[in-house]
């Protein structure tokens, strides 16, 4: 049995955090906007930067591990967006969504543990 490389795990967590941060910035930048030109703001540009950096980190991770190992971390993006939406954007999150986010985290844990066992 071998554990996931700590550097790879850290890069994957950072990549998914940046992707979620990009979504949160997109949402913040889109609030109340109507005209296309209104979407060119520091929040939307920052979201694009987060997404771009997330993509570069993702590609780096793919160069060091299989897609089967790396891809499950995308599930965290959903959980991070839900959490960030509730905490930072003050959006309502029903109890079922909280349960779903916890199930996602548990599913990722199970997948990473099964990968480490092989």
N, C-alpha and C. Protein backbone atom coordinates (compact mmCIF):
# COMPACT_ATOMS: atom_id res chain seq x y z
N UNK A 1 0.85 -1.18 0.00
CA UNK A 1 0.00 0.00 0.00
C UNK A 1 0.89 1.24 0.00
N UNK A 2 0.54 2.23 -0.81
CA UNK A 2 1.30 3.46 -0.84
C UNK A 2 0.34 4.65 -0.78
N UNK A 3 0.77 5.66 -0.06
CA UNK A 3 -0.06 6.87 0.07
C UNK A 3 0.20 7.78 -1.12
N UNK A 4 -0.76 8.66 -1.37
CA UNK A 4 -0.59 9.64 -2.44
C UNK A 4 0.56 10.58 -2.07
N UNK A 5 1.35 10.91 -3.06
CA UNK A 5 2.43 11.87 -2.88
C UNK A 5 1.86 13.16 -2.27
N UNK A 6 2.41 13.63 -1.14
CA UNK A 6 1.88 14.83 -0.49
C UNK A 6 1.91 16.07 -1.39
N UNK A 7 2.94 16.21 -2.21
CA UNK A 7 3.01 17.36 -3.12
C UNK A 7 1.89 17.29 -4.15
N UNK A 8 1.66 16.10 -4.70
CA UNK A 8 0.59 15.93 -5.67
C UNK A 8 -0.77 16.24 -5.03
N UNK A 9 -0.99 15.74 -3.83
CA UNK A 9 -2.26 16.00 -3.13
C UNK A 9 -2.43 17.50 -2.88
N UNK A 10 -1.36 18.17 -2.48
CA UNK A 10 -1.43 19.62 -2.22
C UNK A 10 -1.74 20.39 -3.50
N UNK A 11 -1.11 20.00 -4.60
CA UNK A 11 -1.36 20.66 -5.89
C UNK A 11 -2.81 20.44 -6.34
N UNK A 12 -3.31 19.23 -6.16
CA UNK A 12 -4.69 18.94 -6.52
C UNK A 12 -5.68 19.72 -5.66
N UNK A 13 -5.41 19.83 -4.38
CA UNK A 13 -6.27 20.63 -3.50
C UNK A 13 -6.23 22.10 -3.89
N UNK A 14 -5.04 22.59 -4.21
CA UNK A 14 -4.92 23.99 -4.64
C UNK A 14 -5.65 24.21 -5.96
N UNK A 15 -5.49 23.28 -6.89
CA UNK A 15 -6.15 23.40 -8.19
C UNK A 15 -7.67 23.44 -8.03
N UNK A 16 -8.21 22.53 -7.23
CA UNK A 16 -9.67 22.51 -7.05
C UNK A 16 -10.14 23.74 -6.28
N UNK A 17 -9.34 24.21 -5.34
CA UNK A 17 -9.69 25.44 -4.60
C UNK A 17 -9.71 26.64 -5.53
N UNK A 18 -8.74 26.73 -6.42
CA UNK A 18 -8.70 27.84 -7.37
C UNK A 18 -9.87 27.77 -8.35
N UNK A 19 -10.22 26.57 -8.79
CA UNK A 19 -11.37 26.43 -9.69
C UNK A 19 -12.65 26.88 -8.99
N UNK A 20 -12.82 26.47 -7.74
CA UNK A 20 -14.00 26.89 -6.97
C UNK A 20 -13.96 28.40 -6.73
N UNK A 21 -12.79 28.92 -6.40
CA UNK A 21 -12.65 30.37 -6.21
C UNK A 21 -13.01 31.13 -7.47
N UNK A 22 -12.62 30.59 -8.62
CA UNK A 22 -12.98 31.22 -9.89
C UNK A 22 -14.49 31.28 -10.06
N UNK A 23 -15.18 30.19 -9.73
CA UNK A 23 -16.65 30.18 -9.83
C UNK A 23 -17.28 31.22 -8.89
N UNK A 24 -16.76 31.31 -7.68
CA UNK A 24 -17.29 32.27 -6.72
C UNK A 24 -17.06 33.71 -7.20
N UNK A 25 -15.89 33.95 -7.78
CA UNK A 25 -15.61 35.28 -8.32
C UNK A 25 -16.48 35.58 -9.52
N UNK A 26 -16.72 34.58 -10.37
CA UNK A 26 -17.62 34.77 -11.51
C UNK A 26 -19.01 35.16 -11.02
N UNK A 27 -19.50 34.46 -10.01
CA UNK A 27 -20.83 34.75 -9.48
C UNK A 27 -20.89 36.15 -8.89
N UNK A 28 -19.88 36.51 -8.13
CA UNK A 28 -19.83 37.85 -7.54
C UNK A 28 -19.79 38.91 -8.64
N UNK A 29 -19.00 38.66 -9.66
CA UNK A 29 -18.88 39.62 -10.75
C UNK A 29 -20.11 39.69 -11.63
N UNK A 30 -20.93 38.65 -11.63
CA UNK A 30 -22.12 38.61 -12.48
C UNK A 30 -23.36 39.21 -11.82
N UNK A 31 -23.32 39.35 -10.52
CA UNK A 31 -24.50 39.86 -9.79
C UNK A 31 -24.90 41.24 -10.29
N UNK A 32 -26.15 41.33 -10.70
CA UNK A 32 -26.71 42.62 -11.10
C UNK A 32 -26.23 43.15 -12.44
N UNK A 33 -25.45 42.37 -13.16
CA UNK A 33 -24.92 42.83 -14.45
C UNK A 33 -25.91 42.45 -15.55
N UNK A 34 -26.04 43.33 -16.54
CA UNK A 34 -26.95 43.07 -17.66
C UNK A 34 -26.21 43.13 -18.98
N UNK A 35 -25.50 44.20 -19.20
CA UNK A 35 -24.78 44.40 -20.46
C UNK A 35 -23.48 43.59 -20.48
N UNK A 36 -23.10 43.11 -21.64
CA UNK A 36 -21.89 42.32 -21.80
C UNK A 36 -20.66 43.05 -21.27
N UNK A 37 -20.56 44.33 -21.53
CA UNK A 37 -19.41 45.10 -21.09
C UNK A 37 -19.32 45.16 -19.56
N UNK A 38 -20.45 45.01 -18.87
CA UNK A 38 -20.46 45.04 -17.41
C UNK A 38 -19.74 43.85 -16.80
N UNK A 39 -19.58 42.78 -17.59
CA UNK A 39 -18.93 41.59 -17.07
C UNK A 39 -17.41 41.70 -17.07
N UNK A 40 -16.89 42.75 -17.64
CA UNK A 40 -15.45 42.99 -17.60
C UNK A 40 -15.18 43.79 -16.33
N UNK A 41 -14.85 43.06 -15.29
CA UNK A 41 -14.61 43.67 -13.99
C UNK A 41 -13.44 42.95 -13.33
N UNK A 42 -12.96 43.51 -12.25
CA UNK A 42 -11.83 42.88 -11.57
C UNK A 42 -12.20 41.51 -11.02
N UNK A 43 -13.46 41.33 -10.62
CA UNK A 43 -13.84 40.02 -10.08
C UNK A 43 -13.89 38.95 -11.17
N UNK A 44 -14.42 39.30 -12.32
CA UNK A 44 -14.47 38.33 -13.41
C UNK A 44 -13.06 38.03 -13.92
N UNK A 45 -12.24 39.05 -14.07
CA UNK A 45 -10.86 38.85 -14.51
C UNK A 45 -10.09 38.02 -13.48
N UNK A 46 -10.33 38.27 -12.20
CA UNK A 46 -9.68 37.48 -11.15
C UNK A 46 -10.14 36.02 -11.22
N UNK A 47 -11.43 35.82 -11.50
CA UNK A 47 -11.95 34.47 -11.66
C UNK A 47 -11.28 33.74 -12.82
N UNK A 48 -11.09 34.46 -13.92
CA UNK A 48 -10.39 33.87 -15.06
C UNK A 48 -8.95 33.51 -14.72
N UNK A 49 -8.29 34.38 -13.95
CA UNK A 49 -6.92 34.11 -13.52
C UNK A 49 -6.89 32.84 -12.65
N UNK A 50 -7.83 32.74 -11.71
CA UNK A 50 -7.89 31.54 -10.85
C UNK A 50 -8.10 30.29 -11.69
N UNK A 51 -9.01 30.37 -12.66
CA UNK A 51 -9.27 29.22 -13.53
C UNK A 51 -8.03 28.85 -14.33
N UNK A 52 -7.34 29.85 -14.86
CA UNK A 52 -6.14 29.59 -15.64
C UNK A 52 -5.06 28.92 -14.81
N UNK A 53 -4.81 29.45 -13.62
CA UNK A 53 -3.81 28.86 -12.73
C UNK A 53 -4.23 27.45 -12.31
N UNK A 54 -5.52 27.27 -12.05
CA UNK A 54 -6.04 25.95 -11.71
C UNK A 54 -5.76 24.95 -12.84
N UNK A 55 -5.97 25.38 -14.07
CA UNK A 55 -5.73 24.51 -15.23
C UNK A 55 -4.26 24.13 -15.35
N UNK A 56 -3.36 25.09 -15.15
CA UNK A 56 -1.93 24.78 -15.21
C UNK A 56 -1.53 23.78 -14.14
N UNK A 57 -2.05 23.95 -12.92
CA UNK A 57 -1.75 23.00 -11.85
C UNK A 57 -2.34 21.63 -12.16
N UNK A 58 -3.52 21.62 -12.74
CA UNK A 58 -4.17 20.37 -13.12
C UNK A 58 -3.33 19.61 -14.14
N UNK A 59 -2.85 20.31 -15.13
CA UNK A 59 -2.02 19.67 -16.16
C UNK A 59 -0.73 19.13 -15.54
N UNK A 60 -0.15 19.89 -14.62
CA UNK A 60 1.05 19.42 -13.92
C UNK A 60 0.74 18.12 -13.19
N UNK A 61 -0.40 18.08 -12.49
CA UNK A 61 -0.78 16.86 -11.76
C UNK A 61 -0.98 15.69 -12.72
N UNK A 62 -1.60 15.96 -13.87
CA UNK A 62 -1.80 14.89 -14.86
C UNK A 62 -0.49 14.36 -15.42
N UNK A 63 0.55 15.18 -15.39
CA UNK A 63 1.85 14.72 -15.88
C UNK A 63 2.53 13.78 -14.88
N UNK A 64 1.99 13.71 -13.67
CA UNK A 64 2.60 12.91 -12.63
C UNK A 64 1.74 11.76 -12.10
N UNK A 65 0.50 11.73 -12.49
CA UNK A 65 -0.39 10.67 -12.01
C UNK A 65 -1.44 10.37 -13.07
N UNK A 66 -2.06 9.23 -12.92
CA UNK A 66 -3.08 8.82 -13.89
C UNK A 66 -4.34 9.66 -13.74
N UNK A 67 -5.12 9.70 -14.78
CA UNK A 67 -6.39 10.42 -14.75
C UNK A 67 -7.33 9.81 -13.71
N UNK A 68 -7.26 8.50 -13.55
CA UNK A 68 -8.09 7.82 -12.56
C UNK A 68 -7.74 8.29 -11.15
N UNK A 69 -6.50 8.61 -10.91
CA UNK A 69 -6.07 9.11 -9.61
C UNK A 69 -6.43 10.58 -9.43
N UNK A 70 -6.25 11.37 -10.46
CA UNK A 70 -6.40 12.82 -10.38
C UNK A 70 -7.86 13.27 -10.47
N UNK A 71 -8.62 12.67 -11.36
CA UNK A 71 -9.95 13.19 -11.67
C UNK A 71 -10.92 13.23 -10.49
N UNK A 72 -10.89 12.28 -9.58
CA UNK A 72 -11.83 12.36 -8.45
C UNK A 72 -11.74 13.67 -7.65
N UNK A 73 -10.61 14.33 -7.71
CA UNK A 73 -10.48 15.59 -6.98
C UNK A 73 -11.39 16.69 -7.52
N UNK A 74 -11.89 16.51 -8.75
CA UNK A 74 -12.84 17.51 -9.27
C UNK A 74 -14.11 17.55 -8.44
N UNK A 75 -14.42 16.45 -7.76
CA UNK A 75 -15.60 16.44 -6.90
C UNK A 75 -15.51 17.50 -5.81
N UNK A 76 -14.31 17.76 -5.36
CA UNK A 76 -14.13 18.77 -4.31
C UNK A 76 -14.55 20.15 -4.77
N UNK A 77 -14.41 20.42 -6.06
CA UNK A 77 -14.81 21.73 -6.57
C UNK A 77 -16.28 21.99 -6.25
N UNK A 78 -17.12 21.00 -6.45
CA UNK A 78 -18.54 21.14 -6.14
C UNK A 78 -18.75 21.47 -4.67
N UNK A 79 -18.09 20.71 -3.80
CA UNK A 79 -18.24 20.93 -2.37
C UNK A 79 -17.72 22.32 -1.98
N UNK A 80 -16.57 22.72 -2.52
CA UNK A 80 -16.00 24.04 -2.20
C UNK A 80 -16.90 25.17 -2.68
N UNK A 81 -17.50 25.01 -3.86
CA UNK A 81 -18.40 26.04 -4.38
C UNK A 81 -19.64 26.16 -3.49
N UNK A 82 -20.19 25.04 -3.09
CA UNK A 82 -21.35 25.07 -2.19
C UNK A 82 -21.01 25.77 -0.89
N UNK A 83 -19.90 25.38 -0.29
CA UNK A 83 -19.48 25.97 0.97
C UNK A 83 -19.20 27.47 0.81
N UNK A 84 -18.46 27.83 -0.22
CA UNK A 84 -18.15 29.23 -0.47
C UNK A 84 -19.38 30.07 -0.78
N UNK A 85 -20.32 29.48 -1.51
CA UNK A 85 -21.56 30.19 -1.83
C UNK A 85 -22.31 30.55 -0.56
N UNK A 86 -22.35 29.62 0.37
CA UNK A 86 -23.07 29.87 1.63
C UNK A 86 -22.29 30.84 2.53
N UNK A 87 -21.00 30.60 2.69
CA UNK A 87 -20.21 31.41 3.63
C UNK A 87 -19.85 32.79 3.10
N UNK A 88 -19.44 32.86 1.86
CA UNK A 88 -18.94 34.14 1.32
C UNK A 88 -20.01 34.95 0.60
N UNK A 89 -20.88 34.26 -0.12
CA UNK A 89 -21.89 34.98 -0.91
C UNK A 89 -23.25 35.04 -0.21
N UNK A 90 -23.32 34.39 0.95
CA UNK A 90 -24.56 34.38 1.76
C UNK A 90 -25.75 33.80 1.01
N UNK A 91 -25.49 32.84 0.13
CA UNK A 91 -26.56 32.16 -0.58
C UNK A 91 -27.11 31.04 0.31
N UNK A 92 -28.38 30.75 0.17
CA UNK A 92 -29.02 29.72 0.97
C UNK A 92 -28.58 28.33 0.51
N UNK A 93 -28.29 27.48 1.47
CA UNK A 93 -27.88 26.11 1.16
C UNK A 93 -28.77 25.18 1.97
N UNK A 94 -29.68 24.47 1.30
CA UNK A 94 -30.57 23.58 2.03
C UNK A 94 -29.81 22.42 2.68
N UNK A 95 -30.40 21.82 3.70
CA UNK A 95 -29.73 20.70 4.38
C UNK A 95 -29.34 19.56 3.44
N UNK A 96 -30.16 19.32 2.41
CA UNK A 96 -29.82 18.25 1.45
C UNK A 96 -28.52 18.57 0.72
N UNK A 97 -28.28 19.84 0.45
CA UNK A 97 -27.04 20.23 -0.23
C UNK A 97 -25.84 20.03 0.69
N UNK A 98 -26.01 20.33 1.96
CA UNK A 98 -24.93 20.10 2.93
C UNK A 98 -24.61 18.61 2.99
N UNK A 99 -25.65 17.79 3.06
CA UNK A 99 -25.46 16.35 3.06
C UNK A 99 -24.75 15.89 1.79
N UNK A 100 -25.16 16.43 0.66
CA UNK A 100 -24.53 16.09 -0.61
C UNK A 100 -23.06 16.44 -0.63
N UNK A 101 -22.70 17.61 -0.11
CA UNK A 101 -21.30 18.03 -0.06
C UNK A 101 -20.49 17.09 0.84
N UNK A 102 -21.07 16.68 1.95
CA UNK A 102 -20.39 15.73 2.85
C UNK A 102 -20.22 14.37 2.18
N UNK A 103 -21.22 13.94 1.42
CA UNK A 103 -21.12 12.68 0.70
C UNK A 103 -20.04 12.74 -0.37
N UNK A 104 -19.92 13.90 -1.02
CA UNK A 104 -18.85 14.07 -2.01
C UNK A 104 -17.49 13.91 -1.35
N UNK A 105 -17.31 14.57 -0.21
CA UNK A 105 -16.03 14.48 0.50
C UNK A 105 -15.76 13.03 0.93
N UNK A 106 -16.78 12.33 1.41
CA UNK A 106 -16.61 10.93 1.80
C UNK A 106 -16.28 10.06 0.59
N UNK A 107 -16.93 10.34 -0.53
CA UNK A 107 -16.65 9.58 -1.75
C UNK A 107 -15.22 9.78 -2.22
N UNK A 108 -14.75 11.01 -2.17
CA UNK A 108 -13.36 11.27 -2.56
C UNK A 108 -12.40 10.53 -1.63
N UNK A 109 -12.67 10.57 -0.33
CA UNK A 109 -11.83 9.87 0.63
C UNK A 109 -11.76 8.38 0.29
N UNK A 110 -12.92 7.78 0.00
CA UNK A 110 -12.96 6.36 -0.34
C UNK A 110 -12.17 6.07 -1.61
N UNK A 111 -12.30 6.91 -2.61
CA UNK A 111 -11.58 6.70 -3.87
C UNK A 111 -10.07 6.82 -3.66
N UNK A 112 -9.65 7.85 -2.93
CA UNK A 112 -8.21 8.03 -2.68
C UNK A 112 -7.66 6.87 -1.86
N UNK A 113 -8.43 6.41 -0.88
CA UNK A 113 -7.98 5.27 -0.09
C UNK A 113 -7.87 4.00 -0.93
N UNK A 114 -8.81 3.80 -1.84
CA UNK A 114 -8.77 2.61 -2.69
C UNK A 114 -7.60 2.69 -3.66
N UNK A 115 -7.29 3.88 -4.13
CA UNK A 115 -6.15 4.06 -5.03
C UNK A 115 -4.84 3.80 -4.28
N UNK A 116 -4.79 4.22 -3.02
CA UNK A 116 -3.59 4.00 -2.22
C UNK A 116 -3.38 2.53 -1.93
N UNK A 117 -4.47 1.75 -1.89
CA UNK A 117 -4.38 0.32 -1.59
C UNK A 117 -3.83 -0.47 -2.77
N UNK A 118 -3.90 0.10 -3.96
CA UNK A 118 -3.43 -0.62 -5.17
C UNK A 118 -1.98 -0.37 -5.43
